[in-house]
Amino acid sequence: KKLGAVVTIYSARSHARNIVDRFLMGYEMHGRRHMPNFNLIAMYCDQ
């Protein structure tokens, strides 16, 4: 699926990193790495 992101800021210590990065890079669940079935294609970043 194609994913769009609308964020206020995408910095090192932001919620955008904590959420969007996991869609881009995957995350650990139940001892295994899971890669979401989504492809981020577009973003609006306010700051």
PDB file of all heavy atoms in Angstrom:
ATOM      1  N   LYS A   1       0.830  -1.203   0.000  1.00  0.00           N
ATOM      2  CA  LYS A   1       0.000   0.000   0.000  1.00  0.00           C
ATOM      3  C   LYS A   1       0.862   1.250   0.000  1.00  0.00           C
ATOM      4  O   LYS A   1       1.975   1.257   0.538  1.00  0.00           O
ATOM      5  CB  LYS A   1      -0.930  -0.006   1.221  1.00  0.00           C
ATOM      6  CG  LYS A   1      -2.001  -1.103   1.186  1.00  0.00           C
ATOM      7  CD  LYS A   1      -2.844  -1.062   2.443  1.00  0.00           C
ATOM      8  CE  LYS A   1      -3.955  -2.118   2.398  1.00  0.00           C
ATOM      9  NZ  LYS A   1      -4.988  -1.780   1.408  1.00  0.00           N
ATOM     10  N   LYS A   2       0.345   2.308  -0.584  1.00  0.00           N
ATOM     11  CA  LYS A   2       1.067   3.576  -0.654  1.00  0.00           C
ATOM     12  C   LYS A   2       0.662   4.467   0.514  1.00  0.00           C
ATOM     13  O   LYS A   2      -0.518   4.596   0.833  1.00  0.00           O
ATOM     14  CB  LYS A   2       0.772   4.266  -1.988  1.00  0.00           C
ATOM     15  CG  LYS A   2       1.294   3.493  -3.191  1.00  0.00           C
ATOM     16  CD  LYS A   2       0.928   4.175  -4.492  1.00  0.00           C
ATOM     17  CE  LYS A   2       1.450   3.373  -5.695  1.00  0.00           C
ATOM     18  NZ  LYS A   2       1.079   4.023  -6.976  1.00  0.00           N
ATOM     19  N   LEU A   3       1.658   5.080   1.126  1.00  0.00           N
ATOM     20  CA  LEU A   3       1.459   5.845   2.354  1.00  0.00           C
ATOM     21  C   LEU A   3       1.879   7.295   2.148  1.00  0.00           C
ATOM     22  O   LEU A   3       2.897   7.575   1.517  1.00  0.00           O
ATOM     23  CB  LEU A   3       2.287   5.214   3.477  1.00  0.00           C
ATOM     24  CG  LEU A   3       2.173   5.811   4.890  1.00  0.00           C
ATOM     25  CD1 LEU A   3       0.760   5.627   5.427  1.00  0.00           C
ATOM     26  CD2 LEU A   3       3.185   5.129   5.810  1.00  0.00           C
ATOM     27  N   GLY A   4       1.075   8.209   2.705  1.00  0.00           N
ATOM     28  CA  GLY A   4       1.440   9.622   2.748  1.00  0.00           C
ATOM     29  C   GLY A   4       1.617  10.057   4.180  1.00  0.00           C
ATOM     30  O   GLY A   4       0.946   9.551   5.080  1.00  0.00           O
ATOM     31  N   ALA A   5       2.533  11.001   4.425  1.00  0.00           N
ATOM     32  CA  ALA A   5       2.787  11.498   5.780  1.00  0.00           C
ATOM     33  C   ALA A   5       2.698  13.014   5.792  1.00  0.00           C
ATOM     34  O   ALA A   5       3.252  13.688   4.917  1.00  0.00           O
ATOM     35  CB  ALA A   5       4.150  11.037   6.270  1.00  0.00           C
ATOM     36  N   VAL A   6       2.000  13.529   6.799  1.00  0.00           N
ATOM     37  CA  VAL A   6       1.885  14.967   7.033  1.00  0.00           C
ATOM     38  C   VAL A   6       2.428  15.218   8.434  1.00  0.00           C
ATOM     39  O   VAL A   6       1.848  14.748   9.417  1.00  0.00           O
ATOM     40  CB  VAL A   6       0.417  15.431   6.912  1.00  0.00           C
ATOM     41  CG1 VAL A   6       0.290  16.910   7.258  1.00  0.00           C
ATOM     42  CG2 VAL A   6      -0.130  15.145   5.526  1.00  0.00           C
ATOM     43  N   VAL A   7       3.542  15.920   8.547  1.00  0.00           N
ATOM     44  CA  VAL A   7       4.205  16.071   9.840  1.00  0.00           C
ATOM     45  C   VAL A   7       4.537  17.533  10.106  1.00  0.00           C
ATOM     46  O   VAL A   7       4.743  18.320   9.177  1.00  0.00           O
ATOM     47  CB  VAL A   7       5.494  15.214   9.909  1.00  0.00           C
ATOM     48  CG1 VAL A   7       5.188  13.757   9.609  1.00  0.00           C
ATOM     49  CG2 VAL A   7       6.567  15.727   8.960  1.00  0.00           C
ATOM     50  N   THR A   8       4.591  17.874  11.380  1.00  0.00           N
ATOM     51  CA  THR A   8       5.021  19.222  11.747  1.00  0.00           C
ATOM     52  C   THR A   8       6.516  19.373  11.591  1.00  0.00           C
ATOM     53  O   THR A   8       7.019  20.389  11.109  1.00  0.00           O
ATOM     54  CB  THR A   8       4.619  19.550  13.201  1.00  0.00           C
ATOM     55  OG1 THR A   8       4.986  18.460  14.055  1.00  0.00           O
ATOM     56  CG2 THR A   8       3.122  19.815  13.301  1.00  0.00           C
ATOM     57  N   ILE A   9       7.266  18.350  12.023  1.00  0.00           N
ATOM     58  CA  ILE A   9       8.727  18.380  11.948  1.00  0.00           C
ATOM     59  C   ILE A   9       9.219  16.934  11.968  1.00  0.00           C
ATOM     60  O   ILE A   9       8.585  16.067  12.570  1.00  0.00           O
ATOM     61  CB  ILE A   9       9.307  19.204  13.129  1.00  0.00           C
ATOM     62  CG1 ILE A   9      10.751  19.627  12.848  1.00  0.00           C
ATOM     63  CG2 ILE A   9       9.190  18.456  14.447  1.00  0.00           C
ATOM     64  CD1 ILE A   9      11.251  20.699  13.814  1.00  0.00           C
ATOM     65  N   TYR A  10      10.331  16.687  11.298  1.00  0.00           N
ATOM     66  CA  TYR A  10      10.888  15.328  11.229  1.00  0.00           C
ATOM     67  C   TYR A  10      12.345  15.427  11.663  1.00  0.00           C
ATOM     68  O   TYR A  10      13.257  15.519  10.857  1.00  0.00           O
ATOM     69  CB  TYR A  10      10.773  14.833   9.788  1.00  0.00           C
ATOM     70  CG  TYR A  10      10.934  13.337   9.569  1.00  0.00           C
ATOM     71  CD1 TYR A  10      10.665  12.796   8.313  1.00  0.00           C
ATOM     72  CD2 TYR A  10      11.344  12.473  10.573  1.00  0.00           C
ATOM     73  CE1 TYR A  10      10.803  11.435   8.057  1.00  0.00           C
ATOM     74  CE2 TYR A  10      11.481  11.113  10.338  1.00  0.00           C
ATOM     75  CZ  TYR A  10      11.217  10.592   9.079  1.00  0.00           C
ATOM     76  OH  TYR A  10      11.357   9.250   8.831  1.00  0.00           O
ATOM     77  N   SER A  11      12.548  15.430  12.972  1.00  0.00           N
ATOM     78  CA  SER A  11      13.876  15.615  13.543  1.00  0.00           C
ATOM     79  C   SER A  11      14.262  14.410  14.376  1.00  0.00           C
ATOM     80  O   SER A  11      13.477  13.478  14.560  1.00  0.00           O
ATOM     81  CB  SER A  11      13.899  16.882  14.411  1.00  0.00           C
ATOM     82  OG  SER A  11      12.955  16.786  15.462  1.00  0.00           O
ATOM     83  N   ALA A  12      15.474  14.444  14.919  1.00  0.00           N
ATOM     84  CA  ALA A  12      16.031  13.274  15.584  1.00  0.00           C
ATOM     85  C   ALA A  12      15.226  12.828  16.795  1.00  0.00           C
ATOM     86  O   ALA A  12      15.153  11.641  17.089  1.00  0.00           O
ATOM     87  CB  ALA A  12      17.479  13.550  15.981  1.00  0.00           C
ATOM     88  N   ARG A  13      14.607  13.760  17.505  1.00  0.00           N
ATOM     89  CA  ARG A  13      13.885  13.396  18.722  1.00  0.00           C
ATOM     90  C   ARG A  13      12.407  13.767  18.613  1.00  0.00           C
ATOM     91  O   ARG A  13      11.802  14.306  19.545  1.00  0.00           O
ATOM     92  CB  ARG A  13      14.531  14.070  19.937  1.00  0.00           C
ATOM     93  CG  ARG A  13      15.949  13.565  20.201  1.00  0.00           C
ATOM     94  CD  ARG A  13      16.593  14.281  21.378  1.00  0.00           C
ATOM     95  NE  ARG A  13      15.922  14.029  22.646  1.00  0.00           N
ATOM     96  CZ  ARG A  13      16.131  12.933  23.394  1.00  0.00           C
ATOM     97  NH1 ARG A  13      16.960  11.998  22.993  1.00  0.00           N
ATOM     98  NH2 ARG A  13      15.501  12.782  24.533  1.00  0.00           N
ATOM     99  N   SER A  14      11.823  13.466  17.484  1.00  0.00           N
ATOM    100  CA  SER A  14      10.420  13.811  17.242  1.00  0.00           C
ATOM    101  C   SER A  14       9.569  12.560  17.132  1.00  0.00           C
ATOM    102  O   SER A  14      10.059  11.470  16.855  1.00  0.00           O
ATOM    103  CB  SER A  14      10.294  14.616  15.944  1.00  0.00           C
ATOM    104  OG  SER A  14      10.617  13.803  14.823  1.00  0.00           O
ATOM    105  N   HIS A  15       8.271  12.742  17.328  1.00  0.00           N
ATOM    106  CA  HIS A  15       7.335  11.645  17.129  1.00  0.00           C
ATOM    107  C   HIS A  15       7.309  11.204  15.665  1.00  0.00           C
ATOM    108  O   HIS A  15       7.046  10.038  15.370  1.00  0.00           O
ATOM    109  CB  HIS A  15       5.936  12.054  17.583  1.00  0.00           C
ATOM    110  CG  HIS A  15       5.685  11.817  19.031  1.00  0.00           C
ATOM    111  ND1 HIS A  15       4.437  11.583  19.537  1.00  0.00           N
ATOM    112  CD2 HIS A  15       6.531  11.771  20.089  1.00  0.00           C
ATOM    113  CE1 HIS A  15       4.509  11.412  20.862  1.00  0.00           C
ATOM    114  NE2 HIS A  15       5.776  11.526  21.208  1.00  0.00           N
ATOM    115  N   ALA A  16       7.566  12.138  14.748  1.00  0.00           N
ATOM    116  CA  ALA A  16       7.606  11.751  13.336  1.00  0.00           C
ATOM    117  C   ALA A  16       8.677  10.698  13.107  1.00  0.00           C
ATOM    118  O   ALA A  16       8.463   9.717  12.390  1.00  0.00           O
ATOM    119  CB  ALA A  16       7.863  12.971  12.457  1.00  0.00           C
ATOM    120  N   ARG A  17       9.837  10.878  13.726  1.00  0.00           N
ATOM    121  CA  ARG A  17      10.869   9.857  13.565  1.00  0.00           C
ATOM    122  C   ARG A  17      10.418   8.540  14.190  1.00  0.00           C
ATOM    123  O   ARG A  17      10.579   7.468  13.600  1.00  0.00           O
ATOM    124  CB  ARG A  17      12.184  10.306  14.194  1.00  0.00           C
ATOM    125  CG  ARG A  17      13.265   9.243  13.977  1.00  0.00           C
ATOM    126  CD  ARG A  17      14.588   9.573  14.592  1.00  0.00           C
ATOM    127  NE  ARG A  17      15.563   8.542  14.224  1.00  0.00           N
ATOM    128  CZ  ARG A  17      16.801   8.503  14.655  1.00  0.00           C
ATOM    129  NH1 ARG A  17      17.242   9.424  15.486  1.00  0.00           N
ATOM    130  NH2 ARG A  17      17.618   7.542  14.276  1.00  0.00           N
ATOM    131  N   ASN A  18       9.870   8.611  15.387  1.00  0.00           N
ATOM    132  CA  ASN A  18       9.473   7.390  16.084  1.00  0.00           C
ATOM    133  C   ASN A  18       8.375   6.622  15.355  1.00  0.00           C
ATOM    134  O   ASN A  18       8.281   5.399  15.500  1.00  0.00           O
ATOM    135  CB  ASN A  18       9.011   7.722  17.504  1.00  0.00           C
ATOM    136  CG  ASN A  18      10.186   7.967  18.437  1.00  0.00           C
ATOM    137  OD1 ASN A  18      11.256   7.391  18.274  1.00  0.00           O
ATOM    138  ND2 ASN A  18       9.993   8.827  19.412  1.00  0.00           N
ATOM    139  N   ILE A  19       7.559   7.308  14.590  1.00  0.00           N
ATOM    140  CA  ILE A  19       6.458   6.648  13.879  1.00  0.00           C
ATOM    141  C   ILE A  19       6.808   6.388  12.414  1.00  0.00           C
ATOM    142  O   ILE A  19       6.759   5.253  11.937  1.00  0.00           O
ATOM    143  CB  ILE A  19       5.163   7.484  13.997  1.00  0.00           C
ATOM    144  CG1 ILE A  19       4.708   7.537  15.467  1.00  0.00           C
ATOM    145  CG2 ILE A  19       4.067   6.909  13.107  1.00  0.00           C
ATOM    146  CD1 ILE A  19       3.570   8.491  15.742  1.00  0.00           C
ATOM    147  N   VAL A  20       7.191   7.430  11.682  1.00  0.00           N
ATOM    148  CA  VAL A  20       7.456   7.270  10.249  1.00  0.00           C
ATOM    149  C   VAL A  20       8.645   6.341  10.015  1.00  0.00           C
ATOM    150  O   VAL A  20       8.624   5.501   9.106  1.00  0.00           O
ATOM    151  CB  VAL A  20       7.689   8.641   9.581  1.00  0.00           C
ATOM    152  CG1 VAL A  20       7.999   8.447   8.092  1.00  0.00           C
ATOM    153  CG2 VAL A  20       6.462   9.535   9.750  1.00  0.00           C
ATOM    154  N   ASP A  21       9.693   6.470  10.833  1.00  0.00           N
ATOM    155  CA  ASP A  21      10.852   5.596  10.662  1.00  0.00           C
ATOM    156  C   ASP A  21      10.485   4.116  10.743  1.00  0.00           C
ATOM    157  O   ASP A  21      11.077   3.279  10.047  1.00  0.00           O
ATOM    158  CB  ASP A  21      11.911   5.904  11.729  1.00  0.00           C
ATOM    159  CG  ASP A  21      12.937   6.924  11.253  1.00  0.00           C
ATOM    160  OD1 ASP A  21      12.701   7.590  10.231  1.00  0.00           O
ATOM    161  OD2 ASP A  21      13.992   7.071  11.919  1.00  0.00           O
ATOM    162  N   ARG A  22       9.529   3.806  11.576  1.00  0.00           N
ATOM    163  CA  ARG A  22       9.140   2.399  11.722  1.00  0.00           C
ATOM    164  C   ARG A  22       8.429   1.878  10.472  1.00  0.00           C
ATOM    165  O   ARG A  22       8.513   0.694  10.156  1.00  0.00           O
ATOM    166  CB  ARG A  22       8.297   2.221  12.987  1.00  0.00           C
ATOM    167  CG  ARG A  22       9.161   2.216  14.252  1.00  0.00           C
ATOM    168  CD  ARG A  22       8.329   2.262  15.529  1.00  0.00           C
ATOM    169  NE  ARG A  22       9.118   1.838  16.675  1.00  0.00           N
ATOM    170  CZ  ARG A  22       9.996   2.610  17.328  1.00  0.00           C
ATOM    171  NH1 ARG A  22      10.183   3.859  16.937  1.00  0.00           N
ATOM    172  NH2 ARG A  22      10.683   2.128  18.353  1.00  0.00           N
ATOM    173  N   PHE A  23       7.720   2.758   9.776  1.00  0.00           N
ATOM    174  CA  PHE A  23       7.133   2.349   8.498  1.00  0.00           C
ATOM    175  C   PHE A  23       8.206   2.213   7.422  1.00  0.00           C
ATOM    176  O   PHE A  23       8.084   1.391   6.503  1.00  0.00           O
ATOM    177  CB  PHE A  23       6.065   3.352   8.057  1.00  0.00           C
ATOM    178  CG  PHE A  23       4.717   3.110   8.676  1.00  0.00           C
ATOM    179  CD1 PHE A  23       4.350   3.755   9.844  1.00  0.00           C
ATOM    180  CD2 PHE A  23       3.828   2.226   8.102  1.00  0.00           C
ATOM    181  CE1 PHE A  23       3.108   3.518  10.431  1.00  0.00           C
ATOM    182  CE2 PHE A  23       2.586   1.976   8.674  1.00  0.00           C
ATOM    183  CZ  PHE A  23       2.225   2.632   9.844  1.00  0.00           C
ATOM    184  N   LEU A  24       9.277   2.992   7.527  1.00  0.00           N
ATOM    185  CA  LEU A  24      10.354   2.925   6.543  1.00  0.00           C
ATOM    186  C   LEU A  24      11.306   1.762   6.782  1.00  0.00           C
ATOM    187  O   LEU A  24      11.781   1.132   5.835  1.00  0.00           O
ATOM    188  CB  LEU A  24      11.162   4.230   6.569  1.00  0.00           C
ATOM    189  CG  LEU A  24      10.470   5.502   6.079  1.00  0.00           C
ATOM    190  CD1 LEU A  24      11.373   6.700   6.312  1.00  0.00           C
ATOM    191  CD2 LEU A  24      10.093   5.392   4.613  1.00  0.00           C
ATOM    192  N   MET A  25      11.606   1.487   8.061  1.00  0.00           N
ATOM    193  CA  MET A  25      12.691   0.570   8.399  1.00  0.00           C
ATOM    194  C   MET A  25      12.236  -0.704   9.100  1.00  0.00           C
ATOM    195  O   MET A  25      13.027  -1.624   9.286  1.00  0.00           O
ATOM    196  CB  MET A  25      13.695   1.278   9.319  1.00  0.00           C
ATOM    197  CG  MET A  25      14.265   2.546   8.742  1.00  0.00           C
ATOM    198  SD  MET A  25      15.329   3.379   9.955  1.00  0.00           S
ATOM    199  CE  MET A  25      15.627   4.919   9.102  1.00  0.00           C
ATOM    200  N   GLY A  26      10.985  -0.754   9.506  1.00  0.00           N
ATOM    201  CA  GLY A  26      10.505  -1.901  10.260  1.00  0.00           C
ATOM    202  C   GLY A  26      10.770  -1.752  11.742  1.00  0.00           C
ATOM    203  O   GLY A  26      11.362  -0.762  12.203  1.00  0.00           O
ATOM    204  N   TYR A  27      10.328  -2.739  12.500  1.00  0.00           N
ATOM    205  CA  TYR A  27      10.467  -2.692  13.947  1.00  0.00           C
ATOM    206  C   TYR A  27      10.355  -4.098  14.507  1.00  0.00           C
ATOM    207  O   TYR A  27       9.860  -5.018  13.848  1.00  0.00           O
ATOM    208  CB  TYR A  27       9.401  -1.781  14.569  1.00  0.00           C
ATOM    209  CG  TYR A  27       7.973  -2.111  14.173  1.00  0.00           C
ATOM    210  CD1 TYR A  27       7.169  -2.939  14.963  1.00  0.00           C
ATOM    211  CD2 TYR A  27       7.419  -1.587  12.997  1.00  0.00           C
ATOM    212  CE1 TYR A  27       5.866  -3.239  14.606  1.00  0.00           C
ATOM    213  CE2 TYR A  27       6.111  -1.877  12.624  1.00  0.00           C
ATOM    214  CZ  TYR A  27       5.345  -2.702  13.439  1.00  0.00           C
ATOM    215  OH  TYR A  27       4.055  -2.998  13.079  1.00  0.00           O
ATOM    216  N   GLU A  28      10.820  -4.266  15.743  1.00  0.00           N
ATOM    217  CA  GLU A  28      10.810  -5.572  16.390  1.00  0.00           C
ATOM    218  C   GLU A  28       9.457  -5.844  17.041  1.00  0.00           C
ATOM    219  O   GLU A  28       8.926  -4.997  17.754  1.00  0.00           O
ATOM    220  CB  GLU A  28      11.899  -5.641  17.468  1.00  0.00           C
ATOM    221  CG  GLU A  28      13.317  -5.512  16.932  1.00  0.00           C
ATOM    222  CD  GLU A  28      13.762  -6.734  16.157  1.00  0.00           C
ATOM    223  OE1 GLU A  28      13.249  -7.835  16.447  1.00  0.00           O
ATOM    224  OE2 GLU A  28      14.617  -6.586  15.266  1.00  0.00           O
ATOM    225  N   MET A  29       8.916  -7.025  16.786  1.00  0.00           N
ATOM    226  CA  MET A  29       7.700  -7.476  17.451  1.00  0.00           C
ATOM    227  C   MET A  29       7.812  -8.974  17.701  1.00  0.00           C
ATOM    228  O   MET A  29       8.126  -9.741  16.775  1.00  0.00           O
ATOM    229  CB  MET A  29       6.456  -7.192  16.595  1.00  0.00           C
ATOM    230  CG  MET A  29       6.046  -5.725  16.577  1.00  0.00           C
ATOM    231  SD  MET A  29       5.547  -5.076  18.198  1.00  0.00           S
ATOM    232  CE  MET A  29       3.981  -5.880  18.424  1.00  0.00           C
ATOM    233  N   HIS A  30       7.581  -9.377  18.937  1.00  0.00           N
ATOM    234  CA  HIS A  30       7.588 -10.794  19.310  1.00  0.00           C
ATOM    235  C   HIS A  30       8.909 -11.471  18.935  1.00  0.00           C
ATOM    236  O   HIS A  30       8.939 -12.607  18.464  1.00  0.00           O
ATOM    237  CB  HIS A  30       6.409 -11.524  18.666  1.00  0.00           C
ATOM    238  CG  HIS A  30       5.086 -10.857  18.909  1.00  0.00           C
ATOM    239  ND1 HIS A  30       4.597 -10.637  20.180  1.00  0.00           N
ATOM    240  CD2 HIS A  30       4.174 -10.337  18.047  1.00  0.00           C
ATOM    241  CE1 HIS A  30       3.428 -10.016  20.087  1.00  0.00           C
ATOM    242  NE2 HIS A  30       3.156  -9.821  18.819  1.00  0.00           N
ATOM    243  N   GLY A  31      10.002 -10.734  19.131  1.00  0.00           N
ATOM    244  CA  GLY A  31      11.318 -11.300  18.902  1.00  0.00           C
ATOM    245  C   GLY A  31      11.741 -11.386  17.449  1.00  0.00           C
ATOM    246  O   GLY A  31      12.788 -11.950  17.145  1.00  0.00           O
ATOM    247  N   ARG A  32      10.936 -10.820  16.530  1.00  0.00           N
ATOM    248  CA  ARG A  32      11.280 -10.852  15.108  1.00  0.00           C
ATOM    249  C   ARG A  32      11.115  -9.457  14.523  1.00  0.00           C
ATOM    250  O   ARG A  32      10.355  -8.646  15.018  1.00  0.00           O
ATOM    251  CB  ARG A  32      10.383 -11.831  14.339  1.00  0.00           C
ATOM    252  CG  ARG A  32      10.421 -13.251  14.857  1.00  0.00           C
ATOM    253  CD  ARG A  32       9.939 -14.235  13.822  1.00  0.00           C
ATOM    254  NE  ARG A  32       8.611 -13.899  13.305  1.00  0.00           N
ATOM    255  CZ  ARG A  32       8.023 -14.540  12.301  1.00  0.00           C
ATOM    256  NH1 ARG A  32       8.656 -15.533  11.701  1.00  0.00           N
ATOM    257  NH2 ARG A  32       6.816 -14.201  11.894  1.00  0.00           N
ATOM    258  N   ARG A  33      11.850  -9.209  13.466  1.00  0.00           N
ATOM    259  CA  ARG A  33      11.726  -7.909  12.810  1.00  0.00           C
ATOM    260  C   ARG A  33      10.580  -7.933  11.810  1.00  0.00           C
ATOM    261  O   ARG A  33      10.497  -8.842  10.968  1.00  0.00           O
ATOM    262  CB  ARG A  33      13.025  -7.525  12.114  1.00  0.00           C
ATOM    263  CG  ARG A  33      13.033  -6.049  11.708  1.00  0.00           C
ATOM    264  CD  ARG A  33      14.419  -5.468  11.729  1.00  0.00           C
ATOM    265  NE  ARG A  33      14.399  -4.012  11.531  1.00  0.00           N
ATOM    266  CZ  ARG A  33      14.362  -3.119  12.507  1.00  0.00           C
ATOM    267  NH1 ARG A  33      14.358  -3.533  13.763  1.00  0.00           N
ATOM    268  NH2 ARG A  33      14.354  -1.835  12.251  1.00  0.00           N
ATOM    269  N   HIS A  34       9.735  -6.956  11.916  1.00  0.00           N
ATOM    270  CA  HIS A  34       8.550  -6.860  11.060  1.00  0.00           C
ATOM    271  C   HIS A  34       8.692  -5.663  10.134  1.00  0.00           C
ATOM    272  O   HIS A  34       9.021  -4.561  10.575  1.00  0.00           O
ATOM    273  CB  HIS A  34       7.301  -6.713  11.920  1.00  0.00           C
ATOM    274  CG  HIS A  34       6.068  -6.386  11.124  1.00  0.00           C
ATOM    275  ND1 HIS A  34       5.468  -7.293  10.278  1.00  0.00           N
ATOM    276  CD2 HIS A  34       5.339  -5.250  11.035  1.00  0.00           C
ATOM    277  CE1 HIS A  34       4.415  -6.728   9.710  1.00  0.00           C
ATOM    278  NE2 HIS A  34       4.328  -5.485  10.147  1.00  0.00           N
ATOM    279  N   MET A  35       8.438  -5.863   8.852  1.00  0.00           N
ATOM    280  CA  MET A  35       8.468  -4.781   7.873  1.00  0.00           C
ATOM    281  C   MET A  35       7.051  -4.477   7.407  1.00  0.00           C
ATOM    282  O   MET A  35       6.407  -5.322   6.779  1.00  0.00           O
ATOM    283  CB  MET A  35       9.342  -5.164   6.680  1.00  0.00           C
ATOM    284  CG  MET A  35       9.557  -4.022   5.692  1.00  0.00           C
ATOM    285  SD  MET A  35      10.503  -2.645   6.393  1.00  0.00           S
ATOM    286  CE  MET A  35      12.127  -3.404   6.531  1.00  0.00           C
ATOM    287  N   PRO A  36       6.510  -3.305   7.736  1.00  0.00           N
ATOM    288  CA  PRO A  36       5.147  -2.972   7.307  1.00  0.00           C
ATOM    289  C   PRO A  36       4.988  -3.054   5.792  1.00  0.00           C
ATOM    290  O   PRO A  36       5.922  -2.757   5.038  1.00  0.00           O
ATOM    291  CB  PRO A  36       4.964  -1.536   7.801  1.00  0.00           C
ATOM    292  CG  PRO A  36       5.898  -1.421   8.959  1.00  0.00           C
ATOM    293  CD  PRO A  36       7.092  -2.246   8.571  1.00  0.00           C
ATOM    294  N   ASN A  37       3.799  -3.448   5.379  1.00  0.00           N
ATOM    295  CA  ASN A  37       3.502  -3.612   3.965  1.00  0.00           C
ATOM    296  C   ASN A  37       3.040  -2.281   3.352  1.00  0.00           C
ATOM    297  O   ASN A  37       1.991  -2.196   2.724  1.00  0.00           O
ATOM    298  CB  ASN A  37       2.424  -4.691   3.786  1.00  0.00           C
ATOM    299  CG  ASN A  37       2.279  -5.108   2.337  1.00  0.00           C
ATOM    300  OD1 ASN A  37       3.266  -5.315   1.655  1.00  0.00           O
ATOM    301  ND2 ASN A  37       1.040  -5.228   1.873  1.00  0.00           N
ATOM    302  N   PHE A  38       3.846  -1.237   3.608  1.00  0.00           N
ATOM    303  CA  PHE A  38       3.510   0.103   3.142  1.00  0.00           C
ATOM    304  C   PHE A  38       4.754   0.748   2.547  1.00  0.00           C
ATOM    305  O   PHE A  38       5.870   0.547   3.029  1.00  0.00           O
ATOM    306  CB  PHE A  38       2.988   0.972   4.291  1.00  0.00           C
ATOM    307  CG  PHE A  38       1.620   0.593   4.750  1.00  0.00           C
ATOM    308  CD1 PHE A  38       1.456  -0.408   5.702  1.00  0.00           C
ATOM    309  CD2 PHE A  38       0.497   1.201   4.228  1.00  0.00           C
ATOM    310  CE1 PHE A  38       0.191  -0.788   6.122  1.00  0.00           C
ATOM    311  CE2 PHE A  38      -0.774   0.829   4.636  1.00  0.00           C
ATOM    312  CZ  PHE A  38      -0.936  -0.165   5.583  1.00  0.00           C
ATOM    313  N   ASN A  39       4.541   1.530   1.518  1.00  0.00           N
ATOM    314  CA  ASN A  39       5.623   2.260   0.872  1.00  0.00           C
ATOM    315  C   ASN A  39       5.315   3.749   0.963  1.00  0.00           C
ATOM    316  O   ASN A  39       4.363   4.228   0.349  1.00  0.00           O
ATOM    317  CB  ASN A  39       5.757   1.819  -0.591  1.00  0.00           C
ATOM    318  CG  ASN A  39       6.901   2.518  -1.300  1.00  0.00           C
ATOM    319  OD1 ASN A  39       7.869   2.950  -0.669  1.00  0.00           O
ATOM    320  ND2 ASN A  39       6.801   2.623  -2.607  1.00  0.00           N
ATOM    321  N   LEU A  40       6.084   4.473   1.768  1.00  0.00           N
ATOM    322  CA  LEU A  40       5.902   5.917   1.889  1.00  0.00           C
ATOM    323  C   LEU A  40       6.314   6.571   0.574  1.00  0.00           C
ATOM    324  O   LEU A  40       7.471   6.445   0.144  1.00  0.00           O
ATOM    325  CB  LEU A  40       6.740   6.469   3.035  1.00  0.00           C
ATOM    326  CG  LEU A  40       6.628   7.983   3.271  1.00  0.00           C
ATOM    327  CD1 LEU A  40       5.227   8.360   3.733  1.00  0.00           C
ATOM    328  CD2 LEU A  40       7.670   8.456   4.284  1.00  0.00           C
ATOM    329  N   ILE A  41       5.369   7.246  -0.069  1.00  0.00           N
ATOM    330  CA  ILE A  41       5.676   7.853  -1.366  1.00  0.00           C
ATOM    331  C   ILE A  41       5.712   9.368  -1.312  1.00  0.00           C
ATOM    332  O   ILE A  41       6.295  10.004  -2.207  1.00  0.00           O
ATOM    333  CB  ILE A  41       4.672   7.404  -2.456  1.00  0.00           C
ATOM    334  CG1 ILE A  41       3.257   7.931  -2.146  1.00  0.00           C
ATOM    335  CG2 ILE A  41       4.679   5.894  -2.620  1.00  0.00           C
ATOM    336  CD1 ILE A  41       2.309   7.829  -3.331  1.00  0.00           C
ATOM    337  N   ALA A  42       5.082   9.981  -0.280  1.00  0.00           N
ATOM    338  CA  ALA A  42       4.973  11.440  -0.267  1.00  0.00           C
ATOM    339  C   ALA A  42       4.897  11.964   1.160  1.00  0.00           C
ATOM    340  O   ALA A  42       4.349  11.310   2.047  1.00  0.00           O
ATOM    341  CB  ALA A  42       3.740  11.880  -1.060  1.00  0.00           C
ATOM    342  N   MET A  43       5.430  13.183   1.344  1.00  0.00           N
ATOM    343  CA  MET A  43       5.415  13.803   2.670  1.00  0.00           C
ATOM    344  C   MET A  43       5.231  15.308   2.549  1.00  0.00           C
ATOM    345  O   MET A  43       5.742  15.942   1.616  1.00  0.00           O
ATOM    346  CB  MET A  43       6.715  13.504   3.421  1.00  0.00           C
ATOM    347  CG  MET A  43       6.846  14.226   4.766  1.00  0.00           C
ATOM    348  SD  MET A  43       8.373  13.832   5.641  1.00  0.00           S
ATOM    349  CE  MET A  43       7.987  12.157   6.172  1.00  0.00           C
ATOM    350  N   TYR A  44       4.489  15.858   3.504  1.00  0.00           N
ATOM    351  CA  TYR A  44       4.492  17.298   3.735  1.00  0.00           C
ATOM    352  C   TYR A  44       5.120  17.521   5.102  1.00  0.00           C
ATOM    353  O   TYR A  44       4.669  16.937   6.096  1.00  0.00           O
ATOM    354  CB  TYR A  44       3.086  17.887   3.702  1.00  0.00           C
ATOM    355  CG  TYR A  44       3.068  19.332   4.183  1.00  0.00           C
ATOM    356  CD1 TYR A  44       3.477  20.359   3.334  1.00  0.00           C
ATOM    357  CD2 TYR A  44       2.690  19.650   5.487  1.00  0.00           C
ATOM    358  CE1 TYR A  44       3.497  21.680   3.771  1.00  0.00           C
ATOM    359  CE2 TYR A  44       2.710  20.964   5.927  1.00  0.00           C
ATOM    360  CZ  TYR A  44       3.112  21.974   5.079  1.00  0.00           C
ATOM    361  OH  TYR A  44       3.145  23.271   5.518  1.00  0.00           O
ATOM    362  N   CYS A  45       6.175  18.331   5.171  1.00  0.00           N
ATOM    363  CA  CYS A  45       6.882  18.618   6.423  1.00  0.00           C
ATOM    364  C   CYS A  45       6.827  20.119   6.657  1.00  0.00           C
ATOM    365  O   CYS A  45       7.391  20.891   5.876  1.00  0.00           O
ATOM    366  CB  CYS A  45       8.318  18.119   6.343  1.00  0.00           C
ATOM    367  SG  CYS A  45       9.249  18.240   7.883  1.00  0.00           S
ATOM    368  N   ASP A  46       6.154  20.560   7.720  1.00  0.00           N
ATOM    369  CA  ASP A  46       5.864  21.973   7.938  1.00  0.00           C
ATOM    370  C   ASP A  46       7.090  22.784   8.325  1.00  0.00           C
ATOM    371  O   ASP A  46       7.224  23.939   7.917  1.00  0.00           O
ATOM    372  CB  ASP A  46       4.784  22.109   9.017  1.00  0.00           C
ATOM    373  CG  ASP A  46       4.147  23.489   9.042  1.00  0.00           C
ATOM    374  OD1 ASP A  46       3.762  23.975   7.963  1.00  0.00           O
ATOM    375  OD2 ASP A  46       4.040  24.076  10.139  1.00  0.00           O
ATOM    376  N   GLN A  47       7.978  22.215   9.142  1.00  0.00           N
ATOM    377  CA  GLN A  47       9.152  22.941   9.618  1.00  0.00           C
ATOM    378  C   GLN A  47      10.406  22.089   9.421  1.00  0.00           C
ATOM    379  O   GLN A  47      10.363  20.864   9.542  1.00  0.00           O
ATOM    380  CB  GLN A  47       9.002  23.313  11.100  1.00  0.00           C
ATOM    381  CG  GLN A  47       7.850  24.264  11.371  1.00  0.00           C
ATOM    382  CD  GLN A  47       7.763  24.669  12.839  1.00  0.00           C
ATOM    383  OE1 GLN A  47       8.492  24.166  13.695  1.00  0.00           O
ATOM    384  NE2 GLN A  47       6.872  25.597  13.139  1.00  0.00           N
TER     385      GLN A  47
END
